[in-house]
Each structure stands twice: as structure tokens, then as C-alpha cells.
Amino acid sequence: MYAWLWRHLPGTWPAKTGIALAIAAALAAVLWWGVFPWLEPKVQIDHGVVDGTPTPAGTSTTQPR
């Protein structure tokens, strides 16, 4: 896959490197600000279950000192 992408990018190797880095940065930005916020409510990995009942993140069942 990487060889296919490298062969199809235009320019010399410095230009190809810059284009590949720009593509990777754009993909990371789309994932970070688009896909992950949309997916987070659907996959609730930050909700802990200790006693069998889920507790939403940010809430505590212990008493403050």
C-alpha cells in the first residue's frame, strides 16, 4: 500500500515526502475533529463498572474527605 501511494505521488522524493506528511496530517485532523467526537458517545470506554452498575464518567460514588 505504501509503495503504491509513493509511486502515485507526483514530484521528487522531497515533494513526495511533504505531500505524504500533508495527507497524514489531514487524515489525522479528520479523525480527531470529525470521526472520534461522533464515535465517542457510541463507544463508552470511559465508564467504569466495579460493582456491576455502570457509573458515568465524572461522577464519584465515594464521599469527599
PDB file of N, CA and C in Angstrom:
ATOM      1  N   MET A   1       0.821  -1.181   0.000  1.00  0.00           N
ATOM      2  CA  MET A   1       0.000   0.000   0.000  1.00  0.00           C
ATOM      3  C   MET A   1       0.874   1.257   0.000  1.00  0.00           C
ATOM      4  N   TYR A   2       1.904   1.286   0.842  1.00  0.00           N
ATOM      5  CA  TYR A   2       2.756   2.464   0.888  1.00  0.00           C
ATOM      6  C   TYR A   2       3.537   2.626  -0.411  1.00  0.00           C
ATOM      7  N   ALA A   3       3.972   1.533  -0.981  1.00  0.00           N
ATOM      8  CA  ALA A   3       4.688   1.605  -2.258  1.00  0.00           C
ATOM      9  C   ALA A   3       3.761   2.121  -3.356  1.00  0.00           C
ATOM     10  N   TRP A   4       2.517   1.679  -3.364  1.00  0.00           N
ATOM     11  CA  TRP A   4       1.555   2.155  -4.359  1.00  0.00           C
ATOM     12  C   TRP A   4       1.351   3.659  -4.207  1.00  0.00           C
ATOM     13  N   LEU A   5       1.171   4.123  -2.973  1.00  0.00           N
ATOM     14  CA  LEU A   5       0.982   5.550  -2.716  1.00  0.00           C
ATOM     15  C   LEU A   5       2.215   6.336  -3.136  1.00  0.00           C
ATOM     16  N   TRP A   6       3.388   5.853  -2.793  1.00  0.00           N
ATOM     17  CA  TRP A   6       4.631   6.541  -3.131  1.00  0.00           C
ATOM     18  C   TRP A   6       4.807   6.649  -4.638  1.00  0.00           C
ATOM     19  N   ARG A   7       4.472   5.594  -5.377  1.00  0.00           N
ATOM     20  CA  ARG A   7       4.605   5.627  -6.838  1.00  0.00           C
ATOM     21  C   ARG A   7       3.635   6.608  -7.475  1.00  0.00           C
ATOM     22  N   HIS A   8       2.481   6.828  -6.879  1.00  0.00           N
ATOM     23  CA  HIS A   8       1.463   7.669  -7.492  1.00  0.00           C
ATOM     24  C   HIS A   8       1.532   9.129  -7.067  1.00  0.00           C
ATOM     25  N   LEU A   9       2.367   9.458  -6.100  1.00  0.00           N
ATOM     26  CA  LEU A   9       2.537  10.858  -5.724  1.00  0.00           C
ATOM     27  C   LEU A   9       3.444  11.546  -6.739  1.00  0.00           C
ATOM     28  N   PRO A  10       3.111  12.795  -7.112  1.00  0.00           N
ATOM     29  CA  PRO A  10       3.946  13.490  -8.097  1.00  0.00           C
ATOM     30  C   PRO A  10       5.195  14.093  -7.455  1.00  0.00           C
ATOM     31  N   GLY A  11       6.221  14.325  -8.266  1.00  0.00           N
ATOM     32  CA  GLY A  11       7.406  15.044  -7.818  1.00  0.00           C
ATOM     33  C   GLY A  11       8.558  14.160  -7.402  1.00  0.00           C
ATOM     34  N   THR A  12       9.582  14.839  -6.902  1.00  0.00           N
ATOM     35  CA  THR A  12      10.776  14.145  -6.419  1.00  0.00           C
ATOM     36  C   THR A  12      10.527  13.667  -4.994  1.00  0.00           C
ATOM     37  N   TRP A  13      11.513  12.992  -4.414  1.00  0.00           N
ATOM     38  CA  TRP A  13      11.270  12.425  -3.084  1.00  0.00           C
ATOM     39  C   TRP A  13      11.001  13.479  -2.013  1.00  0.00           C
ATOM     40  N   PRO A  14      11.629  14.685  -2.042  1.00  0.00           N
ATOM     41  CA  PRO A  14      11.245  15.674  -1.018  1.00  0.00           C
ATOM     42  C   PRO A  14       9.786  16.132  -1.173  1.00  0.00           C
ATOM     43  N   ALA A  15       9.335  16.295  -2.403  1.00  0.00           N
ATOM     44  CA  ALA A  15       7.942  16.686  -2.638  1.00  0.00           C
ATOM     45  C   ALA A  15       7.003  15.560  -2.229  1.00  0.00           C
ATOM     46  N   LYS A  16       7.363  14.343  -2.560  1.00  0.00           N
ATOM     47  CA  LYS A  16       6.536  13.194  -2.166  1.00  0.00           C
ATOM     48  C   LYS A  16       6.440  13.079  -0.653  1.00  0.00           C
ATOM     49  N   THR A  17       7.552  13.335   0.037  1.00  0.00           N
ATOM     50  CA  THR A  17       7.552  13.278   1.496  1.00  0.00           C
ATOM     51  C   THR A  17       6.629  14.344   2.079  1.00  0.00           C
ATOM     52  N   GLY A  18       6.720  15.560   1.543  1.00  0.00           N
ATOM     53  CA  GLY A  18       5.850  16.633   2.014  1.00  0.00           C
ATOM     54  C   GLY A  18       4.386  16.351   1.758  1.00  0.00           C
ATOM     55  N   ILE A  19       4.065  15.840   0.579  1.00  0.00           N
ATOM     56  CA  ILE A  19       2.680  15.508   0.249  1.00  0.00           C
ATOM     57  C   ILE A  19       2.177  14.388   1.146  1.00  0.00           C
ATOM     58  N   ALA A  20       3.004  13.367   1.367  1.00  0.00           N
ATOM     59  CA  ALA A  20       2.597  12.252   2.225  1.00  0.00           C
ATOM     60  C   ALA A  20       2.360  12.730   3.658  1.00  0.00           C
ATOM     61  N   LEU A  21       3.202  13.627   4.164  1.00  0.00           N
ATOM     62  CA  LEU A  21       3.003  14.168   5.513  1.00  0.00           C
ATOM     63  C   LEU A  21       1.735  15.018   5.584  1.00  0.00           C
ATOM     64  N   ALA A  22       1.459  15.786   4.529  1.00  0.00           N
ATOM     65  CA  ALA A  22       0.241  16.599   4.500  1.00  0.00           C
ATOM     66  C   ALA A  22      -1.000  15.710   4.476  1.00  0.00           C
ATOM     67  N   ILE A  23      -0.946  14.631   3.705  1.00  0.00           N
ATOM     68  CA  ILE A  23      -2.075  13.690   3.665  1.00  0.00           C
ATOM     69  C   ILE A  23      -2.277  13.047   5.039  1.00  0.00           C
ATOM     70  N   ALA A  24      -1.190  12.647   5.681  1.00  0.00           N
ATOM     71  CA  ALA A  24      -1.292  12.034   7.004  1.00  0.00           C
ATOM     72  C   ALA A  24      -1.846  13.033   8.025  1.00  0.00           C
ATOM     73  N   ALA A  25      -1.418  14.297   7.960  1.00  0.00           N
ATOM     74  CA  ALA A  25      -1.923  15.316   8.882  1.00  0.00           C
ATOM     75  C   ALA A  25      -3.402  15.590   8.636  1.00  0.00           C
ATOM     76  N   ALA A  26      -3.803  15.639   7.363  1.00  0.00           N
ATOM     77  CA  ALA A  26      -5.216  15.866   7.046  1.00  0.00           C
ATOM     78  C   ALA A  26      -6.073  14.700   7.530  1.00  0.00           C
ATOM     79  N   LEU A  27      -5.595  13.493   7.342  1.00  0.00           N
ATOM     80  CA  LEU A  27      -6.336  12.322   7.816  1.00  0.00           C
ATOM     81  C   LEU A  27      -6.443  12.324   9.338  1.00  0.00           C
ATOM     82  N   ALA A  28      -5.363  12.663  10.022  1.00  0.00           N
ATOM     83  CA  ALA A  28      -5.395  12.733  11.482  1.00  0.00           C
ATOM     84  C   ALA A  28      -6.374  13.805  11.958  1.00  0.00           C
ATOM     85  N   ALA A  29      -6.412  14.947  11.271  1.00  0.00           N
ATOM     86  CA  ALA A  29      -7.327  16.022  11.651  1.00  0.00           C
ATOM     87  C   ALA A  29      -8.783  15.608  11.461  1.00  0.00           C
ATOM     88  N   VAL A  30      -9.062  14.935  10.356  1.00  0.00           N
ATOM     89  CA  VAL A  30     -10.432  14.464  10.116  1.00  0.00           C
ATOM     90  C   VAL A  30     -10.845  13.465  11.186  1.00  0.00           C
ATOM     91  N   LEU A  31      -9.950  12.560  11.540  1.00  0.00           N
ATOM     92  CA  LEU A  31     -10.251  11.588  12.591  1.00  0.00           C
ATOM     93  C   LEU A  31     -10.427  12.280  13.938  1.00  0.00           C
ATOM     94  N   TRP A  32      -9.512  13.191  14.295  1.00  0.00           N
ATOM     95  CA  TRP A  32      -9.510  13.831  15.607  1.00  0.00           C
ATOM     96  C   TRP A  32     -10.736  14.707  15.821  1.00  0.00           C
ATOM     97  N   TRP A  33     -11.078  15.537  14.811  1.00  0.00           N
ATOM     98  CA  TRP A  33     -12.160  16.506  14.994  1.00  0.00           C
ATOM     99  C   TRP A  33     -13.477  16.087  14.360  1.00  0.00           C
ATOM    100  N   GLY A  34     -13.505  14.984  13.625  1.00  0.00           N
ATOM    101  CA  GLY A  34     -14.740  14.561  12.987  1.00  0.00           C
ATOM    102  C   GLY A  34     -15.224  13.200  13.437  1.00  0.00           C
ATOM    103  N   VAL A  35     -14.409  12.207  13.214  1.00  0.00           N
ATOM    104  CA  VAL A  35     -14.829  10.827  13.453  1.00  0.00           C
ATOM    105  C   VAL A  35     -14.859  10.496  14.945  1.00  0.00           C
ATOM    106  N   PHE A  36     -13.795  10.833  15.680  1.00  0.00           N
ATOM    107  CA  PHE A  36     -13.745  10.466  17.093  1.00  0.00           C
ATOM    108  C   PHE A  36     -14.840  11.138  17.922  1.00  0.00           C
ATOM    109  N   PRO A  37     -15.126  12.438  17.742  1.00  0.00           N
ATOM    110  CA  PRO A  37     -16.238  13.027  18.510  1.00  0.00           C
ATOM    111  C   PRO A  37     -17.589  12.405  18.164  1.00  0.00           C
ATOM    112  N   TRP A  38     -17.779  12.017  16.923  1.00  0.00           N
ATOM    113  CA  TRP A  38     -19.025  11.361  16.524  1.00  0.00           C
ATOM    114  C   TRP A  38     -19.115   9.967  17.138  1.00  0.00           C
ATOM    115  N   LEU A  39     -17.986   9.271  17.237  1.00  0.00           N
ATOM    116  CA  LEU A  39     -17.968   7.891  17.700  1.00  0.00           C
ATOM    117  C   LEU A  39     -17.980   7.767  19.222  1.00  0.00           C
ATOM    118  N   GLU A  40     -17.488   8.781  19.938  1.00  0.00           N
ATOM    119  CA  GLU A  40     -17.324   8.692  21.390  1.00  0.00           C
ATOM    120  C   GLU A  40     -18.608   8.362  22.139  1.00  0.00           C
ATOM    121  N   PRO A  41     -19.765   8.950  21.830  1.00  0.00           N
ATOM    122  CA  PRO A  41     -20.969   8.568  22.572  1.00  0.00           C
ATOM    123  C   PRO A  41     -21.417   7.129  22.320  1.00  0.00           C
ATOM    124  N   LYS A  42     -21.028   6.586  21.186  1.00  0.00           N
ATOM    125  CA  LYS A  42     -21.446   5.234  20.826  1.00  0.00           C
ATOM    126  C   LYS A  42     -20.570   4.166  21.485  1.00  0.00           C
ATOM    127  N   VAL A  43     -19.300   4.488  21.741  1.00  0.00           N
ATOM    128  CA  VAL A  43     -18.355   3.556  22.359  1.00  0.00           C
ATOM    129  C   VAL A  43     -17.916   4.184  23.675  1.00  0.00           C
ATOM    130  N   GLN A  44     -18.556   3.817  24.744  1.00  0.00           N
ATOM    131  CA  GLN A  44     -18.298   4.458  26.028  1.00  0.00           C
ATOM    132  C   GLN A  44     -17.268   3.660  26.818  1.00  0.00           C
ATOM    133  N   ILE A  45     -16.011   3.868  26.471  1.00  0.00           N
ATOM    134  CA  ILE A  45     -14.940   3.123  27.123  1.00  0.00           C
ATOM    135  C   ILE A  45     -14.488   3.789  28.409  1.00  0.00           C
ATOM    136  N   ASP A  46     -14.954   5.006  28.691  1.00  0.00           N
ATOM    137  CA  ASP A  46     -14.507   5.682  29.900  1.00  0.00           C
ATOM    138  C   ASP A  46     -15.486   5.516  31.065  1.00  0.00           C
ATOM    139  N   HIS A  47     -16.465   4.662  30.919  1.00  0.00           N
ATOM    140  CA  HIS A  47     -17.404   4.399  32.000  1.00  0.00           C
ATOM    141  C   HIS A  47     -16.971   3.131  32.721  1.00  0.00           C
ATOM    142  N   GLY A  48     -16.650   3.264  33.983  1.00  0.00           N
ATOM    143  CA  GLY A  48     -16.154   2.129  34.741  1.00  0.00           C
ATOM    144  C   GLY A  48     -17.270   1.352  35.405  1.00  0.00           C
ATOM    145  N   VAL A  49     -17.088   0.046  35.493  1.00  0.00           N
ATOM    146  CA  VAL A  49     -18.040  -0.819  36.184  1.00  0.00           C
ATOM    147  C   VAL A  49     -17.248  -1.621  37.209  1.00  0.00           C
ATOM    148  N   VAL A  50     -17.528  -1.366  38.502  1.00  0.00           N
ATOM    149  CA  VAL A  50     -16.831  -2.085  39.563  1.00  0.00           C
ATOM    150  C   VAL A  50     -17.783  -3.026  40.270  1.00  0.00           C
ATOM    151  N   ASP A  51     -18.957  -2.523  40.638  1.00  0.00           N
ATOM    152  CA  ASP A  51     -19.902  -3.338  41.387  1.00  0.00           C
ATOM    153  C   ASP A  51     -21.050  -3.878  40.524  1.00  0.00           C
ATOM    154  N   GLY A  52     -20.916  -3.794  39.236  1.00  0.00           N
ATOM    155  CA  GLY A  52     -21.946  -4.321  38.339  1.00  0.00           C
ATOM    156  C   GLY A  52     -22.880  -3.264  37.786  1.00  0.00           C
ATOM    157  N   THR A  53     -22.866  -2.057  38.340  1.00  0.00           N
ATOM    158  CA  THR A  53     -23.698  -0.982  37.812  1.00  0.00           C
ATOM    159  C   THR A  53     -22.797   0.081  37.205  1.00  0.00           C
ATOM    160  N   PRO A  54     -23.028   0.442  35.965  1.00  0.00           N
ATOM    161  CA  PRO A  54     -22.168   1.448  35.324  1.00  0.00           C
ATOM    162  C   PRO A  54     -22.341   2.825  35.963  1.00  0.00           C
ATOM    163  N   THR A  55     -21.249   3.527  36.100  1.00  0.00           N
ATOM    164  CA  THR A  55     -21.254   4.885  36.626  1.00  0.00           C
ATOM    165  C   THR A  55     -20.744   5.806  35.529  1.00  0.00           C
ATOM    166  N   PRO A  56     -21.480   6.855  35.166  1.00  0.00           N
ATOM    167  CA  PRO A  56     -20.997   7.776  34.127  1.00  0.00           C
ATOM    168  C   PRO A  56     -19.691   8.438  34.534  1.00  0.00           C
ATOM    169  N   ALA A  57     -18.893   8.765  33.553  1.00  0.00           N
ATOM    170  CA  ALA A  57     -17.615   9.420  33.825  1.00  0.00           C
ATOM    171  C   ALA A  57     -17.856  10.772  34.461  1.00  0.00           C
ATOM    172  N   GLY A  58     -17.008  11.153  35.374  1.00  0.00           N
ATOM    173  CA  GLY A  58     -17.111  12.433  36.038  1.00  0.00           C
ATOM    174  C   GLY A  58     -17.906  12.393  37.325  1.00  0.00           C
ATOM    175  N   THR A  59     -18.535  11.269  37.635  1.00  0.00           N
ATOM    176  CA  THR A  59     -19.261  11.160  38.890  1.00  0.00           C
ATOM    177  C   THR A  59     -18.504  10.230  39.820  1.00  0.00           C
ATOM    178  N   SER A  60     -18.685  10.428  41.095  1.00  0.00           N
ATOM    179  CA  SER A  60     -17.968   9.636  42.070  1.00  0.00           C
ATOM    180  C   SER A  60     -18.974   9.033  43.050  1.00  0.00           C
ATOM    181  N   THR A  61     -18.705   7.809  43.465  1.00  0.00           N
ATOM    182  CA  THR A  61     -19.585   7.158  44.444  1.00  0.00           C
ATOM    183  C   THR A  61     -18.987   7.222  45.839  1.00  0.00           C
ATOM    184  N   THR A  62     -17.765   7.779  45.968  1.00  0.00           N
ATOM    185  CA  THR A  62     -17.143   7.871  47.274  1.00  0.00           C
ATOM    186  C   THR A  62     -17.441   9.224  47.889  1.00  0.00           C
ATOM    187  N   GLN A  63     -17.386   9.282  49.219  1.00  0.00           N
ATOM    188  CA  GLN A  63     -17.631  10.530  49.928  1.00  0.00           C
ATOM    189  C   GLN A  63     -16.373  11.362  49.965  1.00  0.00           C
ATOM    190  N   PRO A  64     -16.467  12.686  49.775  1.00  0.00           N
ATOM    191  CA  PRO A  64     -15.274  13.529  49.858  1.00  0.00           C
ATOM    192  C   PRO A  64     -14.759  13.602  51.293  1.00  0.00           C
ATOM    193  N   ARG A  65     -13.479  13.831  51.448  1.00  0.00           N
ATOM    194  CA  ARG A  65     -12.864  13.888  52.778  1.00  0.00           C
ATOM    195  C   ARG A  65     -12.924  15.263  53.353  1.00  0.00           C
TER     196      ARG A  65
END
